[in-house]
Amino acid sequence: MNIKLYLAKGMMLNTVLSIVIIALVTVIIVENVRVWLTLLRTAKPVGMNDEREKIYCPLVSPHAPDDLPLA
């Protein structure tokens, strides 16, 4: 709707920006659906820590013992 309105008024910058925003939203939705389908197909958690032996947490010192009580 915006694209037709902007084209009718000759506002090319707004037209191009609207097209870019629509394209970026489409890319985000497609990528999210791809990740959701991956998560639904596997029982293993998928995320930034799935390739590590230990879960990385920048708030805990790497020298801290493994059995720290939860606060």
N, C-alpha and C. Protein backbone atom coordinates (compact mmCIF):
# COMPACT_ATOMS: atom_id res chain seq x y z
N MET A 1 0.82 -1.18 0.00
CA MET A 1 0.00 0.00 0.00
C MET A 1 0.88 1.26 0.00
N ASN A 2 1.91 1.26 0.83
CA ASN A 2 2.81 2.40 0.87
C ASN A 2 3.52 2.59 -0.47
N ILE A 3 3.91 1.48 -1.07
CA ILE A 3 4.67 1.57 -2.32
C ILE A 3 3.82 2.22 -3.41
N LYS A 4 2.56 1.81 -3.54
CA LYS A 4 1.67 2.43 -4.54
C LYS A 4 1.48 3.92 -4.25
N LEU A 5 1.30 4.26 -2.99
CA LEU A 5 1.10 5.66 -2.60
C LEU A 5 2.34 6.50 -2.92
N TYR A 6 3.51 5.98 -2.53
CA TYR A 6 4.75 6.72 -2.77
C TYR A 6 5.06 6.84 -4.26
N LEU A 7 4.79 5.78 -5.03
CA LEU A 7 5.02 5.86 -6.47
C LEU A 7 4.10 6.89 -7.12
N ALA A 8 2.84 6.94 -6.67
CA ALA A 8 1.89 7.90 -7.24
C ALA A 8 2.31 9.33 -6.97
N LYS A 9 2.94 9.56 -5.81
CA LYS A 9 3.38 10.91 -5.45
C LYS A 9 4.80 11.21 -5.91
N GLY A 10 5.48 10.23 -6.52
CA GLY A 10 6.83 10.45 -7.03
C GLY A 10 7.88 10.46 -5.94
N MET A 11 7.61 9.83 -4.81
CA MET A 11 8.55 9.80 -3.70
C MET A 11 9.40 8.53 -3.81
N MET A 12 10.44 8.60 -4.63
CA MET A 12 11.24 7.41 -4.94
C MET A 12 12.04 6.91 -3.75
N LEU A 13 12.57 7.79 -2.91
CA LEU A 13 13.35 7.36 -1.76
C LEU A 13 12.48 6.54 -0.80
N ASN A 14 11.28 7.04 -0.53
CA ASN A 14 10.37 6.31 0.35
C ASN A 14 9.95 4.99 -0.28
N THR A 15 9.79 4.95 -1.59
CA THR A 15 9.44 3.71 -2.28
C THR A 15 10.55 2.68 -2.12
N VAL A 16 11.78 3.10 -2.37
CA VAL A 16 12.92 2.19 -2.26
C VAL A 16 13.08 1.71 -0.82
N LEU A 17 12.95 2.61 0.15
CA LEU A 17 13.07 2.22 1.56
C LEU A 17 11.98 1.23 1.96
N SER A 18 10.78 1.42 1.47
CA SER A 18 9.69 0.49 1.77
C SER A 18 9.98 -0.89 1.20
N ILE A 19 10.50 -0.94 -0.02
CA ILE A 19 10.84 -2.22 -0.65
C ILE A 19 11.96 -2.91 0.13
N VAL A 20 12.96 -2.15 0.55
CA VAL A 20 14.08 -2.72 1.33
C VAL A 20 13.58 -3.28 2.65
N ILE A 21 12.72 -2.56 3.34
CA ILE A 21 12.18 -3.02 4.62
C ILE A 21 11.37 -4.31 4.42
N ILE A 22 10.55 -4.37 3.38
CA ILE A 22 9.77 -5.58 3.10
C ILE A 22 10.71 -6.75 2.82
N ALA A 23 11.77 -6.52 2.06
CA ALA A 23 12.72 -7.59 1.75
C ALA A 23 13.42 -8.08 3.01
N LEU A 24 13.84 -7.16 3.89
CA LEU A 24 14.52 -7.56 5.11
C LEU A 24 13.60 -8.31 6.07
N VAL A 25 12.36 -7.90 6.17
CA VAL A 25 11.39 -8.61 7.01
C VAL A 25 11.17 -10.02 6.45
N THR A 26 11.12 -10.16 5.14
CA THR A 26 10.96 -11.47 4.52
C THR A 26 12.15 -12.37 4.85
N VAL A 27 13.35 -11.83 4.77
CA VAL A 27 14.55 -12.61 5.09
C VAL A 27 14.51 -13.06 6.55
N ILE A 28 14.14 -12.18 7.46
CA ILE A 28 14.07 -12.52 8.88
C ILE A 28 13.04 -13.62 9.12
N ILE A 29 11.88 -13.52 8.51
CA ILE A 29 10.84 -14.54 8.69
C ILE A 29 11.30 -15.89 8.14
N VAL A 30 11.91 -15.90 6.96
CA VAL A 30 12.39 -17.15 6.36
C VAL A 30 13.45 -17.80 7.25
N GLU A 31 14.39 -17.01 7.76
CA GLU A 31 15.43 -17.56 8.62
C GLU A 31 14.85 -18.09 9.92
N ASN A 32 13.87 -17.40 10.49
CA ASN A 32 13.25 -17.87 11.73
C ASN A 32 12.50 -19.17 11.50
N VAL A 33 11.78 -19.29 10.40
CA VAL A 33 11.06 -20.53 10.10
C VAL A 33 12.05 -21.67 9.93
N ARG A 34 13.18 -21.42 9.27
CA ARG A 34 14.21 -22.44 9.09
C ARG A 34 14.73 -22.93 10.44
N VAL A 35 15.00 -22.02 11.37
CA VAL A 35 15.49 -22.41 12.70
C VAL A 35 14.40 -23.13 13.48
N TRP A 36 13.15 -22.66 13.39
CA TRP A 36 12.06 -23.31 14.10
C TRP A 36 11.89 -24.75 13.63
N LEU A 37 11.98 -24.97 12.32
CA LEU A 37 11.85 -26.32 11.79
C LEU A 37 13.00 -27.21 12.27
N THR A 38 14.20 -26.65 12.35
CA THR A 38 15.34 -27.39 12.88
C THR A 38 15.11 -27.77 14.33
N LEU A 39 14.59 -26.84 15.11
CA LEU A 39 14.32 -27.11 16.53
C LEU A 39 13.22 -28.15 16.70
N LEU A 40 12.23 -28.14 15.84
CA LEU A 40 11.15 -29.11 15.94
C LEU A 40 11.59 -30.52 15.54
N ARG A 41 12.59 -30.62 14.68
CA ARG A 41 13.04 -31.92 14.19
C ARG A 41 14.03 -32.61 15.11
N THR A 42 14.56 -31.91 16.09
CA THR A 42 15.59 -32.49 16.94
C THR A 42 15.22 -32.33 18.41
N ALA A 43 15.68 -33.27 19.23
CA ALA A 43 15.46 -33.17 20.67
C ALA A 43 16.61 -32.42 21.33
N LYS A 44 17.72 -32.32 20.62
CA LYS A 44 18.90 -31.64 21.15
C LYS A 44 18.72 -30.12 21.01
N PRO A 45 19.07 -29.36 22.04
CA PRO A 45 18.96 -27.90 21.92
C PRO A 45 19.88 -27.36 20.82
N VAL A 46 19.40 -26.41 20.09
CA VAL A 46 20.18 -25.79 19.02
C VAL A 46 20.35 -24.33 19.38
N GLY A 47 21.58 -23.87 19.36
CA GLY A 47 21.82 -22.48 19.69
C GLY A 47 23.30 -22.17 19.65
N MET A 48 23.68 -21.06 20.29
CA MET A 48 25.07 -20.63 20.21
C MET A 48 26.02 -21.55 20.97
N ASN A 49 25.54 -22.36 21.91
CA ASN A 49 26.41 -23.21 22.70
C ASN A 49 26.35 -24.68 22.30
N ASP A 50 25.74 -25.02 21.19
CA ASP A 50 25.54 -26.42 20.86
C ASP A 50 26.81 -27.13 20.38
N GLU A 51 27.86 -26.42 20.05
CA GLU A 51 29.09 -27.03 19.58
C GLU A 51 30.16 -27.09 20.67
N ARG A 52 29.85 -26.68 21.88
CA ARG A 52 30.84 -26.62 22.95
C ARG A 52 30.63 -27.77 23.93
N GLU A 53 31.74 -28.18 24.57
CA GLU A 53 31.62 -29.19 25.61
C GLU A 53 31.02 -28.57 26.87
N LYS A 54 31.45 -27.36 27.19
CA LYS A 54 30.91 -26.65 28.34
C LYS A 54 30.15 -25.44 27.84
N ILE A 55 29.12 -25.07 28.54
CA ILE A 55 28.35 -23.89 28.16
C ILE A 55 29.13 -22.65 28.56
N TYR A 56 29.26 -21.74 27.62
CA TYR A 56 29.98 -20.50 27.86
C TYR A 56 29.09 -19.49 28.54
N CYS A 57 29.57 -18.92 29.62
CA CYS A 57 28.85 -17.86 30.33
C CYS A 57 29.83 -16.78 30.69
N PRO A 58 29.72 -15.59 30.10
CA PRO A 58 30.71 -14.54 30.36
C PRO A 58 30.65 -13.99 31.79
N LEU A 59 29.61 -14.32 32.54
CA LEU A 59 29.48 -13.81 33.91
C LEU A 59 30.22 -14.66 34.93
N VAL A 60 30.60 -15.87 34.55
CA VAL A 60 31.30 -16.77 35.46
C VAL A 60 32.74 -16.91 35.00
N SER A 61 33.66 -16.79 35.93
CA SER A 61 35.08 -16.89 35.61
C SER A 61 35.40 -18.28 35.07
N PRO A 62 36.28 -18.37 34.08
CA PRO A 62 36.65 -19.69 33.56
C PRO A 62 37.36 -20.56 34.59
N HIS A 63 37.87 -19.93 35.65
CA HIS A 63 38.60 -20.65 36.71
C HIS A 63 37.66 -21.06 37.85
N ALA A 64 36.41 -20.75 37.76
CA ALA A 64 35.46 -21.10 38.82
C ALA A 64 35.19 -22.60 38.79
N PRO A 65 34.94 -23.19 39.97
CA PRO A 65 34.61 -24.63 39.98
C PRO A 65 33.30 -24.91 39.26
N ASP A 66 33.16 -26.14 38.78
CA ASP A 66 31.99 -26.51 38.00
C ASP A 66 30.71 -26.61 38.83
N ASP A 67 30.83 -26.77 40.14
CA ASP A 67 29.66 -27.00 40.98
C ASP A 67 29.28 -25.77 41.81
N LEU A 68 29.28 -24.61 41.21
CA LEU A 68 28.88 -23.39 41.90
C LEU A 68 27.39 -23.44 42.19
N PRO A 69 26.96 -23.03 43.40
CA PRO A 69 25.52 -23.00 43.68
C PRO A 69 24.85 -21.88 42.89
N LEU A 70 23.63 -22.12 42.49
CA LEU A 70 22.86 -21.11 41.76
C LEU A 70 22.40 -20.04 42.73
N ALA A 71 22.48 -18.80 42.31
CA ALA A 71 22.07 -17.69 43.18
C ALA A 71 20.60 -17.40 43.04
